C-alpha atoms as a PDB file:
ATOM      1  CA  MET A   1      13.694  25.200  -6.242  1.00  0.00           C
ATOM      2  CA  VAL A   2      11.582  24.713  -2.920  1.00  0.00           C
ATOM      3  CA  GLU A   3       7.674  26.072  -3.164  1.00  0.00           C
ATOM      4  CA  SER A   4       7.086  27.633   0.523  1.00  0.00           C
ATOM      5  CA  ALA A   5       3.688  26.597   1.718  1.00  0.00           C
ATOM      6  CA  SER A   6       0.358  28.233   0.616  1.00  0.00           C
ATOM      7  CA  TYR A   7      -2.869  28.166   2.679  1.00  0.00           C
ATOM      8  CA  GLY A   8      -6.421  28.516   2.176  1.00  0.00           C
ATOM      9  CA  SER A   9      -7.102  29.998   5.450  1.00  0.00           C
ATOM     10  CA  PRO A  10      -5.974  30.849   9.032  1.00  0.00           C
ATOM     11  CA  TRP A  11      -7.122  27.731  10.080  1.00  0.00           C
ATOM     12  CA  HIS A  12      -5.267  25.576   7.479  1.00  0.00           C
ATOM     13  CA  GLU A  13      -2.014  26.935   8.188  1.00  0.00           C
ATOM     14  CA  LEU A  14      -2.576  27.067  12.541  1.00  0.00           C
ATOM     15  CA  LEU A  15      -3.367  22.785  11.657  1.00  0.00           C
ATOM     16  CA  SER A  16      -0.310  22.711   9.500  1.00  0.00           C
ATOM     17  CA  SER A  17       2.141  23.916  12.083  1.00  0.00           C
ATOM     18  CA  ASP A  18       4.592  22.072  13.588  1.00  0.00           C
ATOM     19  CA  VAL A  19       3.051  23.381  17.051  1.00  0.00           C
ATOM     20  CA  VAL A  20      -0.284  21.633  16.761  1.00  0.00           C
ATOM     21  CA  LYS A  21       1.252  18.734  14.918  1.00  0.00           C
ATOM     22  CA  ASP A  22       3.601  17.983  18.153  1.00  0.00           C
ATOM     23  CA  ALA A  23       0.719  18.676  20.154  1.00  0.00           C
ATOM     24  CA  ALA A  24      -1.358  15.985  18.383  1.00  0.00           C
ATOM     25  CA  LYS A  25       1.167  13.666  19.012  1.00  0.00           C
ATOM     26  CA  THR A  26       2.152  14.016  22.336  1.00  0.00           C
ATOM     27  CA  ILE A  27      -1.389  15.351  24.026  1.00  0.00           C
ATOM     28  CA  PRO A  28      -3.856  12.529  24.861  1.00  0.00           C
ATOM     29  CA  GLY A  29      -7.372  13.766  23.378  1.00  0.00           C
ATOM     30  CA  PHE A  30      -5.977  16.895  21.825  1.00  0.00           C
ATOM     31  CA  VAL A  31      -6.949  15.663  18.078  1.00  0.00           C
ATOM     32  CA  ASP A  32     -10.550  14.631  19.497  1.00  0.00           C
ATOM     33  CA  LYS A  33     -11.183  18.056  21.226  1.00  0.00           C
ATOM     34  CA  VAL A  34     -10.022  19.783  18.152  1.00  0.00           C
ATOM     35  CA  MET A  35     -12.439  17.485  15.878  1.00  0.00           C
ATOM     36  CA  GLY A  36     -15.123  18.569  18.359  1.00  0.00           C
ATOM     37  CA  PHE A  37     -14.580  22.227  18.176  1.00  0.00           C
ATOM     38  CA  ALA A  38     -14.558  21.914  14.565  1.00  0.00           C
ATOM     39  CA  ASN A  39     -17.470  19.735  14.637  1.00  0.00           C
ATOM     40  CA  GLU A  40     -19.577  22.267  17.066  1.00  0.00           C
ATOM     41  CA  SER A  41     -18.413  25.455  14.834  1.00  0.00           C
ATOM     42  CA  LEU A  42     -19.504  23.931  11.664  1.00  0.00           C
ATOM     43  CA  ASP A  43     -23.067  23.269  13.555  1.00  0.00           C
ATOM     44  CA  ARG A  44     -23.381  26.619  14.652  1.00  0.00           C
ATOM     45  CA  VAL A  45     -22.993  27.840  11.202  1.00  0.00           C
ATOM     46  CA  LYS A  46     -25.147  26.059   9.288  1.00  0.00           C
ATOM     47  CA  LEU A  47     -27.734  26.373  12.401  1.00  0.00           C
ATOM     48  CA  LYS A  48     -27.352  30.266  11.868  1.00  0.00           C
ATOM     49  CA  LYS A  49     -27.679  29.954   7.650  1.00  0.00           C
ATOM     50  CA  ASN A  50     -30.931  28.124   8.158  1.00  0.00           C
ATOM     51  CA  LEU A  51     -32.271  30.574  10.886  1.00  0.00           C
ATOM     52  CA  VAL A  52     -31.737  33.322   8.565  1.00  0.00           C
ATOM     53  CA  ALA A  53     -33.335  31.319   5.451  1.00  0.00           C
ATOM     54  CA  ALA A  54     -35.861  30.683   7.680  1.00  0.00           C
ATOM     55  CA  ASN A  55     -36.563  34.651   7.797  1.00  0.00           C
ATOM     56  CA  SER A  56     -36.040  35.476   4.327  1.00  0.00           C
ATOM     57  CA  ASP A  57     -37.545  34.697   0.691  1.00  0.00           C
ATOM     58  CA  LEU A  58     -34.866  32.232   0.243  1.00  0.00           C
ATOM     59  CA  PRO A  59     -34.449  28.571   0.384  1.00  0.00           C
ATOM     60  CA  PRO A  60     -32.441  27.055   3.073  1.00  0.00           C
ATOM     61  CA  SER A  61     -29.109  25.907   1.279  1.00  0.00           C
ATOM     62  CA  GLN A  62     -28.673  22.148   1.146  1.00  0.00           C
ATOM     63  CA  PRO A  63     -26.221  20.292   2.868  1.00  0.00           C
ATOM     64  CA  GLU A  64     -23.129  19.157   0.775  1.00  0.00           C
ATOM     65  CA  SER A  65     -24.123  15.334   1.134  1.00  0.00           C
ATOM     66  CA  ASP A  66     -27.635  16.316  -0.477  1.00  0.00           C
ATOM     67  CA  LYS A  67     -26.415  17.830  -3.292  1.00  0.00           C
ATOM     68  CA  ALA A  68     -26.370  15.711  -6.304  1.00  0.00           C
END
């Protein structure tokens, strides 16, 4: 019995697709562009969370790397 793929998010499903895998192999700079896009998106989310925390009584969340 073979189980079908199970994805945690639409992004995970997209990145696991054969089309994206083929693009990563054939298009120069594709992986770097996708990684840059992802990093910029994460930076915007972190900035937004910190701005919301600064305007409320809640302390800002610590980055995962700072947590013990």
